[in-house]
């Protein structure tokens, strides 16, 4: 959630943000301004009435001390109390709609984010490595996996439906190796603390990271229990410190977690219907940071580098892309995508998205820090990134390490994690 002061003092910035994000219809700005004005007017009236009530209450006390009858003044005090209660009820009614609108406003974009209409306007920042060369036509991972009998899409559909899958033998072992390799790298070299937490969370957690209320239809929700399956461990990790004031001496805090992720993929009909690229359940290693505001954009660059090192050690060619204004998620102020080359598909595929949310999530989740005792607490800045998506990493390894006879070689860094290789 953005700072409410921006709505009051710089509504043009809100309108500009909605325009460059192509989200003009996402929020009724006129209604928001009207509700904010009514809300502030009612608050001013309540403050004024409370002052009057305090003055009259003192007069009632003085009359009682003199032995005089304060009944008339007491009636006025009661009437003022009734007015205050009515105004408070009016505010509560207004704030319900006001807060929903505030939660729907996207984050303010960083000045370095390029303007653009869609993903075609994203900017390639850098590339690493070279595309592998083959003396044969490389196959997509789903054909390789099916032939090797390590990916079973038919049984995945039978068990759960479209966009589900089953790993068999080497695929299951290889993804487990990928996850363990990534966790070891991030905890032993990059300074993250490994966490294992719930894959099912409450609504406050989904609101805290920005999924709810606006994007509720995109996720799996258990209505009976008011719980949701996480779309990413970002939700679990960020909400570790919801409603807490952190000791500034402990910042920055880096945490990582492996989890299954669940997404409805609403609106993805016809996109990547085959394979592991766009599925309803997948595994991912998530990276989350809690940092001081003045360091957050430097921390974003470090976060991207942490995710990149996974691909470098796996010797997978990739590029880093800075997302344009219209392609940056609503919660993010600035986002880099890392896209790995998939020779079987003949294109780059996003394998990590690294974002700085500045104080947007922290305000929603009320995560603050205090540098010194007695100092007023301030909002932290939160960041997150995939380090990496395990299923897509598996697919990338299969396509980049395939051989002419249809087998797959294993990257050297993963061999210690496997019971056996082929």
Protein backbone atom coordinates (compact mmCIF):
# COMPACT_ATOMS: atom_id res chain seq x y z
CA UNK A 1 0.00 0.00 0.00
CA UNK A 2 1.33 3.44 -0.84
CA UNK A 3 1.63 6.22 1.73
CA UNK A 4 -1.83 7.84 2.22
CA UNK A 5 -0.05 11.23 2.19
CA UNK A 6 0.55 10.74 -1.53
CA UNK A 7 -3.21 10.54 -2.12
CA UNK A 8 -3.77 13.75 -0.16
CA UNK A 9 -0.76 15.74 -1.33
CA UNK A 10 0.13 14.37 -4.77
CA UNK A 11 -2.89 12.75 -6.39
CA UNK A 12 -1.38 13.52 -9.80
CA UNK A 13 1.41 11.04 -9.02
CA UNK A 14 -1.23 8.36 -8.36
CA UNK A 15 -2.92 9.15 -11.67
CA UNK A 16 0.42 9.13 -13.50
CA UNK A 17 1.35 5.78 -11.95
CA UNK A 18 -1.94 4.23 -13.04
CA UNK A 19 -1.47 5.64 -16.54
CA UNK A 20 2.06 4.37 -17.17
CA UNK A 21 1.15 0.98 -15.70
CA UNK A 22 -1.86 0.78 -18.04
CA UNK A 23 -4.09 0.39 -14.97
CA UNK A 24 -6.31 3.46 -15.30
CA UNK A 25 -9.43 1.37 -14.63
CA UNK A 26 -7.98 -0.36 -11.57
CA UNK A 27 -8.92 2.38 -9.11
CA UNK A 28 -11.67 5.03 -9.06
CA UNK A 29 -9.41 7.96 -8.17
CA UNK A 30 -12.29 10.44 -7.94
CA UNK A 31 -14.08 8.23 -5.42
CA UNK A 32 -10.85 7.81 -3.47
CA UNK A 33 -10.35 11.60 -3.27
CA UNK A 34 -13.97 12.09 -2.21
CA UNK A 35 -13.79 9.43 0.51
CA UNK A 36 -10.48 10.76 1.79
CA UNK A 37 -11.93 14.29 2.05
CA UNK A 38 -15.06 13.02 3.87
CA UNK A 39 -12.93 10.90 6.18
CA UNK A 40 -10.64 13.79 7.13
CA UNK A 41 -13.64 16.10 7.58
CA UNK A 42 -15.30 13.64 9.97
CA UNK A 43 -12.06 13.18 11.90
CA UNK A 44 -11.79 16.95 12.29
CA UNK A 45 -15.40 17.13 13.54
CA UNK A 46 -14.76 14.35 16.06
CA UNK A 47 -11.64 16.09 17.35
CA UNK A 48 -13.58 19.31 17.73
CA UNK A 49 -16.45 17.57 19.55
CA UNK A 50 -14.04 15.80 21.88
CA UNK A 51 -12.49 19.15 22.79
CA UNK A 52 -15.98 20.54 23.50
CA UNK A 53 -16.87 17.49 25.58
CA UNK A 54 -13.70 17.78 27.64
CA UNK A 55 -14.39 21.46 28.31
CA UNK A 56 -18.00 20.75 29.36
CA UNK A 57 -16.93 17.80 31.51
CA UNK A 58 -14.58 20.08 33.43
CA UNK A 59 -17.46 22.55 33.90
CA UNK A 60 -19.67 19.71 35.20
CA UNK A 61 -16.99 18.85 37.73
CA UNK A 62 -16.71 22.47 38.80
CA UNK A 63 -20.49 22.77 39.30
CA UNK A 64 -20.55 19.60 41.37
CA UNK A 65 -17.82 20.98 43.61
CA UNK A 66 -19.92 24.08 44.15
CA UNK A 67 -22.96 21.96 44.95
CA UNK A 68 -24.83 23.20 41.91
CA UNK A 69 -26.92 21.08 39.54
CA UNK A 70 -24.96 20.17 36.34
CA UNK A 71 -27.87 18.31 34.70
CA UNK A 72 -28.13 20.67 31.73
CA UNK A 73 -24.41 20.45 30.98
CA UNK A 74 -24.42 16.69 31.45
CA UNK A 75 -27.16 16.41 28.85
CA UNK A 76 -25.00 18.39 26.43
CA UNK A 77 -22.06 16.05 27.16
CA UNK A 78 -24.26 13.04 26.41
CA UNK A 79 -25.51 14.62 23.18
CA UNK A 80 -21.95 15.32 22.06
CA UNK A 81 -21.07 11.71 22.86
CA UNK A 82 -23.94 10.54 20.65
CA UNK A 83 -22.69 12.76 17.81
CA UNK A 84 -19.16 11.40 18.18
CA UNK A 85 -20.47 7.83 18.05
CA UNK A 86 -22.47 8.59 14.91
CA UNK A 87 -19.47 10.19 13.18
CA UNK A 88 -17.28 7.24 14.19
CA UNK A 89 -19.80 4.87 12.60
CA UNK A 90 -19.77 7.03 9.45
CA UNK A 91 -15.96 6.85 9.38
CA UNK A 92 -16.00 3.07 9.81
CA UNK A 93 -18.38 2.78 6.86
CA UNK A 94 -16.24 5.07 4.72
CA UNK A 95 -12.95 3.43 5.70
CA UNK A 96 -14.08 0.00 4.54
CA UNK A 97 -14.39 1.27 0.96
CA UNK A 98 -11.45 3.67 1.35
CA UNK A 99 -9.10 0.90 2.52
CA UNK A 100 -10.18 -1.39 -0.33
CA UNK A 101 -9.37 1.37 -2.81
CA UNK A 102 -6.04 2.10 -1.12
CA UNK A 103 -5.09 -1.57 -1.25
CA UNK A 104 -5.85 -1.57 -4.99
CA UNK A 105 -3.45 1.27 -5.83
CA UNK A 106 -0.23 -0.12 -7.34
CA UNK A 107 3.19 0.79 -6.03
CA UNK A 108 5.01 3.93 -7.15
CA UNK A 109 7.58 2.99 -9.80
CA UNK A 110 11.27 3.79 -9.39
CA UNK A 111 12.54 6.52 -11.72
CA UNK A 112 14.82 4.03 -13.51
CA UNK A 113 11.92 1.87 -14.71
CA UNK A 114 11.49 2.35 -18.49
CA UNK A 115 8.12 3.40 -19.86
CA UNK A 116 6.40 0.80 -21.97
CA UNK A 117 3.12 -0.76 -23.04
CA UNK A 118 3.89 -4.47 -22.58
CA UNK A 119 6.68 -7.07 -22.32
CA UNK A 120 7.98 -6.06 -25.74
CA UNK A 121 9.21 -2.82 -24.18
CA UNK A 122 11.29 -4.52 -21.49
CA UNK A 123 15.02 -3.73 -21.65
CA UNK A 124 17.76 -6.37 -21.81
CA UNK A 125 20.38 -5.25 -19.26
CA UNK A 126 22.97 -7.98 -19.81
CA UNK A 127 23.52 -11.53 -21.00
CA UNK A 128 25.76 -14.28 -19.63
CA UNK A 129 27.28 -17.24 -21.41
CA UNK A 130 26.66 -18.51 -24.90
CA UNK A 131 23.81 -20.41 -26.46
CA UNK A 132 24.79 -24.08 -26.75
CA UNK A 133 25.51 -25.40 -30.22
CA UNK A 134 24.10 -28.75 -31.36
CA UNK A 135 24.83 -30.90 -34.42
CA UNK A 136 21.22 -32.02 -34.26
CA UNK A 137 17.83 -30.39 -33.72
CA UNK A 138 17.36 -30.02 -29.94
CA UNK A 139 14.13 -31.37 -28.50
CA UNK A 140 11.86 -29.63 -25.97
CA UNK A 141 12.06 -30.96 -22.42
CA UNK A 142 8.61 -32.52 -22.53
CA UNK A 143 9.54 -34.73 -25.48
CA UNK A 144 12.86 -35.67 -23.89
CA UNK A 145 11.24 -36.45 -20.55
CA UNK A 146 8.45 -38.51 -22.06
CA UNK A 147 10.89 -40.56 -24.14
CA UNK A 148 13.11 -41.18 -21.10
CA UNK A 149 10.02 -42.06 -19.03
CA UNK A 150 10.91 -39.48 -16.35
CA UNK A 151 8.10 -36.99 -17.06
CA UNK A 152 4.53 -38.33 -17.01
CA UNK A 153 2.00 -35.73 -18.06
CA UNK A 154 -0.85 -38.16 -18.77
CA UNK A 155 -0.91 -39.47 -15.22
CA UNK A 156 -0.61 -35.96 -13.83
CA UNK A 157 -3.76 -34.99 -15.74
CA UNK A 158 -5.50 -38.19 -14.63
CA UNK A 159 -4.73 -37.49 -10.97
CA UNK A 160 -5.41 -33.76 -10.82
CA UNK A 161 -6.30 -32.28 -14.21
CA UNK A 162 -4.69 -30.12 -16.86
CA UNK A 163 -1.32 -28.47 -16.12
CA UNK A 164 -0.33 -31.09 -13.55
CA UNK A 165 2.46 -33.64 -14.00
CA UNK A 166 4.32 -36.53 -12.40
CA UNK A 167 8.10 -36.85 -12.05
CA UNK A 168 9.51 -40.35 -12.24
CA UNK A 169 12.98 -41.59 -11.25
CA UNK A 170 15.72 -39.27 -12.48
CA UNK A 171 13.45 -36.22 -12.87
CA UNK A 172 12.35 -36.45 -9.23
CA UNK A 173 15.94 -36.99 -8.06
CA UNK A 174 17.28 -34.21 -10.27
CA UNK A 175 14.79 -31.61 -9.07
CA UNK A 176 15.53 -32.57 -5.47
CA UNK A 177 19.23 -32.13 -6.24
CA UNK A 178 18.57 -28.74 -7.84
CA UNK A 179 16.67 -27.53 -4.76
CA UNK A 180 19.34 -28.75 -2.33
CA UNK A 181 22.09 -27.18 -4.45
CA UNK A 182 20.31 -23.83 -4.49
CA UNK A 183 19.59 -23.84 -0.75
CA UNK A 184 23.22 -24.69 0.01
CA UNK A 185 24.46 -21.90 -2.24
CA UNK A 186 22.17 -19.26 -0.76
CA UNK A 187 22.70 -20.24 2.88
CA UNK A 188 26.42 -21.07 2.83
CA UNK A 189 27.65 -18.38 0.43
CA UNK A 190 25.01 -15.66 0.14
CA UNK A 191 24.10 -15.33 3.81
CA UNK A 192 20.43 -16.38 3.82
CA UNK A 193 18.84 -18.23 6.73
CA UNK A 194 16.83 -21.25 5.64
CA UNK A 195 13.20 -21.28 6.75
CA UNK A 196 10.54 -23.93 6.44
CA UNK A 197 7.02 -22.61 6.93
CA UNK A 198 3.37 -23.11 5.99
CA UNK A 199 2.28 -23.65 2.39
CA UNK A 200 -1.25 -22.58 3.46
CA UNK A 201 -1.76 -19.06 4.83
CA UNK A 202 -4.50 -16.78 6.15
CA UNK A 203 -5.96 -13.75 4.38
CA UNK A 204 -3.86 -11.26 6.37
CA UNK A 205 -0.76 -12.90 4.91
CA UNK A 206 -2.06 -12.66 1.33
CA UNK A 207 -3.05 -9.03 1.92
CA UNK A 208 0.36 -8.29 3.43
CA UNK A 209 2.25 -9.21 0.26
CA UNK A 210 -0.28 -7.75 -2.16
CA UNK A 211 -2.12 -10.78 -3.58
CA UNK A 212 -5.40 -9.88 -1.85
CA UNK A 213 -7.91 -8.35 -2.19
CA UNK A 214 -7.49 -7.32 -5.85
CA UNK A 215 -6.08 -10.57 -7.31
CA UNK A 216 -8.04 -13.10 -5.26
CA UNK A 217 -9.30 -14.98 -8.33
CA UNK A 218 -5.75 -15.87 -9.37
CA UNK A 219 -5.07 -18.14 -6.38
CA UNK A 220 -6.35 -21.33 -4.80
CA UNK A 221 -8.49 -20.53 -1.77
CA UNK A 222 -10.02 -22.82 0.84
CA UNK A 223 -13.21 -20.89 1.58
CA UNK A 224 -14.33 -23.06 4.48
CA UNK A 225 -11.22 -22.19 6.51
CA UNK A 226 -10.47 -18.74 5.01
CA UNK A 227 -7.04 -20.02 3.98
CA UNK A 228 -5.14 -20.00 0.68
CA UNK A 229 -2.44 -22.11 -0.92
CA UNK A 230 0.66 -19.97 -1.37
CA UNK A 231 1.55 -18.84 -4.90
CA UNK A 232 5.15 -18.42 -3.71
CA UNK A 233 7.08 -18.69 -0.44
CA UNK A 234 7.38 -14.90 -0.62
CA UNK A 235 4.04 -14.84 1.21
CA UNK A 236 5.25 -17.06 4.05
CA UNK A 237 8.65 -15.41 4.40
CA UNK A 238 7.51 -11.78 4.23
CA UNK A 239 4.79 -12.38 6.81
CA UNK A 240 7.26 -13.83 9.30
CA UNK A 241 7.56 -10.30 10.68
CA UNK A 242 4.03 -8.99 10.10
CA UNK A 243 2.89 -6.67 12.93
CA UNK A 244 6.41 -6.58 14.39
CA UNK A 245 9.00 -3.90 15.11
CA UNK A 246 12.46 -5.21 14.23
CA UNK A 247 15.69 -4.17 15.91
CA UNK A 248 17.58 -2.07 13.39
CA UNK A 249 20.79 -3.80 14.48
CA UNK A 250 19.44 -7.03 12.96
CA UNK A 251 19.02 -5.53 9.48
CA UNK A 252 19.49 -6.58 6.77
CA UNK A 253 17.67 -9.89 7.25
CA UNK A 254 17.98 -12.47 4.45
CA UNK A 255 15.74 -15.57 4.46
CA UNK A 256 15.19 -18.38 1.96
CA UNK A 257 12.64 -21.16 1.72
CA UNK A 258 11.85 -24.07 -0.56
CA UNK A 259 8.16 -24.66 -1.17
CA UNK A 260 5.55 -25.92 -3.52
CA UNK A 261 3.73 -23.04 -5.20
CA UNK A 262 0.13 -23.10 -6.40
CA UNK A 263 -1.34 -20.86 -9.09
CA UNK A 264 -4.60 -20.99 -10.97
CA UNK A 265 -2.90 -19.54 -14.08
CA UNK A 266 -6.09 -17.63 -14.80
CA UNK A 267 -5.95 -16.10 -18.26
CA UNK A 268 -3.20 -18.48 -19.39
CA UNK A 269 -5.38 -20.53 -21.72
CA UNK A 270 -3.38 -21.66 -24.74
CA UNK A 271 -0.02 -20.53 -23.26
CA UNK A 272 2.65 -23.21 -22.75
CA UNK A 273 0.07 -25.96 -22.46
CA UNK A 274 2.78 -28.61 -22.75
CA UNK A 275 5.66 -29.19 -20.36
CA UNK A 276 6.78 -27.61 -17.11
CA UNK A 277 6.76 -23.91 -17.99
CA UNK A 278 3.23 -22.94 -16.96
CA UNK A 279 1.69 -25.35 -14.45
CA UNK A 280 -0.61 -25.18 -11.43
CA UNK A 281 1.89 -26.63 -8.96
CA UNK A 282 5.66 -26.24 -8.99
CA UNK A 283 8.61 -26.07 -6.61
CA UNK A 284 10.69 -22.97 -6.04
CA UNK A 285 13.45 -21.64 -3.80
CA UNK A 286 12.51 -18.13 -2.71
CA UNK A 287 14.77 -15.32 -1.49
CA UNK A 288 13.39 -12.50 0.70
CA UNK A 289 15.16 -9.50 2.23
CA UNK A 290 14.20 -6.99 4.95
CA UNK A 291 16.44 -3.93 4.67
CA UNK A 292 16.77 -0.27 5.55
CA UNK A 293 15.24 2.08 2.94
CA UNK A 294 18.47 3.76 1.91
CA UNK A 295 20.04 0.43 0.91
CA UNK A 296 17.15 -1.27 -0.84
CA UNK A 297 18.05 -0.63 -4.47
CA UNK A 298 21.65 -1.73 -3.88
CA UNK A 299 20.19 -4.82 -2.20
CA UNK A 300 18.09 -5.45 -5.31
CA UNK A 301 21.22 -5.63 -7.46
CA UNK A 302 22.78 -8.09 -4.98
CA UNK A 303 19.60 -10.17 -4.99
CA UNK A 304 19.71 -10.47 -8.77
CA UNK A 305 23.37 -11.48 -8.58
CA UNK A 306 22.52 -14.21 -6.04
CA UNK A 307 19.94 -15.68 -8.41
CA UNK A 308 22.25 -15.32 -11.41
CA UNK A 309 25.00 -17.33 -9.73
CA UNK A 310 22.78 -20.42 -9.73
CA UNK A 311 22.61 -20.30 -13.53
CA UNK A 312 26.30 -19.49 -13.86
CA UNK A 313 27.30 -22.52 -11.79
CA UNK A 314 24.94 -24.64 -13.90
CA UNK A 315 26.53 -23.08 -17.01
CA UNK A 316 23.16 -22.07 -18.47
CA UNK A 317 23.01 -19.11 -20.84
CA UNK A 318 20.62 -16.37 -19.70
CA UNK A 319 19.78 -12.69 -19.92
CA UNK A 320 18.68 -10.14 -17.33
CA UNK A 321 15.72 -7.96 -18.31
CA UNK A 322 14.50 -4.75 -16.65
CA UNK A 323 10.71 -4.73 -16.80
CA UNK A 324 8.94 -1.70 -18.22
CA UNK A 325 6.22 0.25 -16.43
CA UNK A 326 3.27 -1.73 -17.81
CA UNK A 327 4.89 -5.13 -17.17
CA UNK A 328 5.99 -4.49 -13.57
CA UNK A 329 3.76 -6.18 -11.00
CA UNK A 330 1.39 -3.97 -9.01
CA UNK A 331 3.30 -4.45 -5.75
CA UNK A 332 6.77 -3.81 -7.15
CA UNK A 333 8.64 -0.55 -7.56
CA UNK A 334 11.31 -2.11 -9.80
CA UNK A 335 11.71 -5.63 -11.17
CA UNK A 336 14.36 -7.59 -13.04
CA UNK A 337 13.48 -10.86 -14.74
CA UNK A 338 16.15 -13.46 -15.40
CA UNK A 339 15.39 -15.43 -18.56
CA UNK A 340 17.15 -18.70 -19.33
CA UNK A 341 17.72 -19.92 -22.89
CA UNK A 342 15.69 -23.01 -23.82
CA UNK A 343 17.13 -24.48 -27.04
CA UNK A 344 14.35 -27.05 -27.42
CA UNK A 345 11.69 -24.34 -27.23
CA UNK A 346 13.86 -21.91 -29.20
CA UNK A 347 13.28 -18.99 -26.85
CA UNK A 348 14.11 -17.44 -23.49
CA UNK A 349 11.92 -18.34 -20.51
CA UNK A 350 11.62 -16.43 -17.24
CA UNK A 351 13.24 -18.43 -14.44
CA UNK A 352 13.45 -15.73 -11.76
CA UNK A 353 11.78 -12.43 -10.99
CA UNK A 354 13.56 -10.13 -8.50
CA UNK A 355 11.71 -7.12 -7.11
CA UNK A 356 12.08 -4.22 -4.71
CA UNK A 357 8.73 -3.41 -3.12
CA UNK A 358 10.15 -0.48 -1.11
CA UNK A 359 7.67 0.15 1.77
CA UNK A 360 4.58 -1.11 -0.12
CA UNK A 361 4.38 -4.54 1.50
CA UNK A 362 5.75 -3.33 4.83
CA UNK A 363 2.92 -0.79 5.14
CA UNK A 364 0.30 -3.44 4.36
CA UNK A 365 1.88 -5.96 6.75
CA UNK A 366 2.94 -3.33 9.33
CA UNK A 367 6.61 -4.39 9.39
CA UNK A 368 8.75 -1.73 11.01
CA UNK A 369 12.18 -1.31 12.55
CA UNK A 370 13.72 0.92 15.18
CA UNK A 371 17.38 1.90 14.94
CA UNK A 372 17.68 3.25 18.49
CA UNK A 373 15.69 2.77 21.68
CA UNK A 374 13.05 5.47 22.03
CA UNK A 375 13.23 6.32 18.32
CA UNK A 376 10.03 6.35 16.28
CA UNK A 377 9.80 3.09 14.26
CA UNK A 378 10.02 3.29 10.47
CA UNK A 379 8.87 0.95 7.72
CA UNK A 380 11.41 -1.50 6.35
CA UNK A 381 11.85 -2.13 2.65
CA UNK A 382 11.14 -5.67 1.43
CA UNK A 383 12.57 -7.47 -1.58
CA UNK A 384 12.08 -10.90 -3.03
CA UNK A 385 13.27 -13.07 -5.88
CA UNK A 386 13.20 -16.62 -7.16
CA UNK A 387 16.44 -18.37 -6.53
CA UNK A 388 15.27 -20.24 -8.73
CA UNK A 389 12.07 -21.86 -9.97
CA UNK A 390 13.05 -25.54 -9.69
CA UNK A 391 10.79 -26.99 -12.41
CA UNK A 392 11.94 -24.51 -15.01
CA UNK A 393 15.56 -25.09 -13.95
CA UNK A 394 15.02 -28.82 -14.47
CA UNK A 395 13.53 -28.15 -17.91
CA UNK A 396 16.43 -25.84 -18.81
CA UNK A 397 19.00 -28.46 -17.79
CA UNK A 398 17.23 -31.13 -19.81
CA UNK A 399 17.16 -28.98 -22.95
CA UNK A 400 20.67 -27.54 -22.65
CA UNK A 401 22.37 -30.78 -21.59
CA UNK A 402 20.63 -33.13 -24.02
CA UNK A 403 22.65 -35.39 -26.28
CA UNK A 404 22.07 -36.63 -29.82
CA UNK A 405 20.85 -40.04 -28.60
CA UNK A 406 18.16 -38.40 -26.45
CA UNK A 407 19.88 -38.81 -23.09
CA UNK A 408 20.79 -36.03 -20.65
CA UNK A 409 24.14 -35.30 -19.06
CA UNK A 410 24.28 -33.92 -15.51
CA UNK A 411 25.92 -30.58 -14.61
CA UNK A 412 29.02 -31.12 -12.49
CA UNK A 413 27.72 -29.06 -9.53
CA UNK A 414 24.69 -31.35 -9.19
CA UNK A 415 26.51 -34.69 -9.29
CA UNK A 416 27.30 -34.72 -5.53
CA UNK A 417 23.56 -34.32 -4.84
CA UNK A 418 22.50 -37.28 -6.98
CA UNK A 419 22.54 -40.90 -5.97
CA UNK A 420 23.49 -41.75 -9.53
CA UNK A 421 23.71 -40.07 -12.92
CA UNK A 422 23.03 -41.28 -16.42
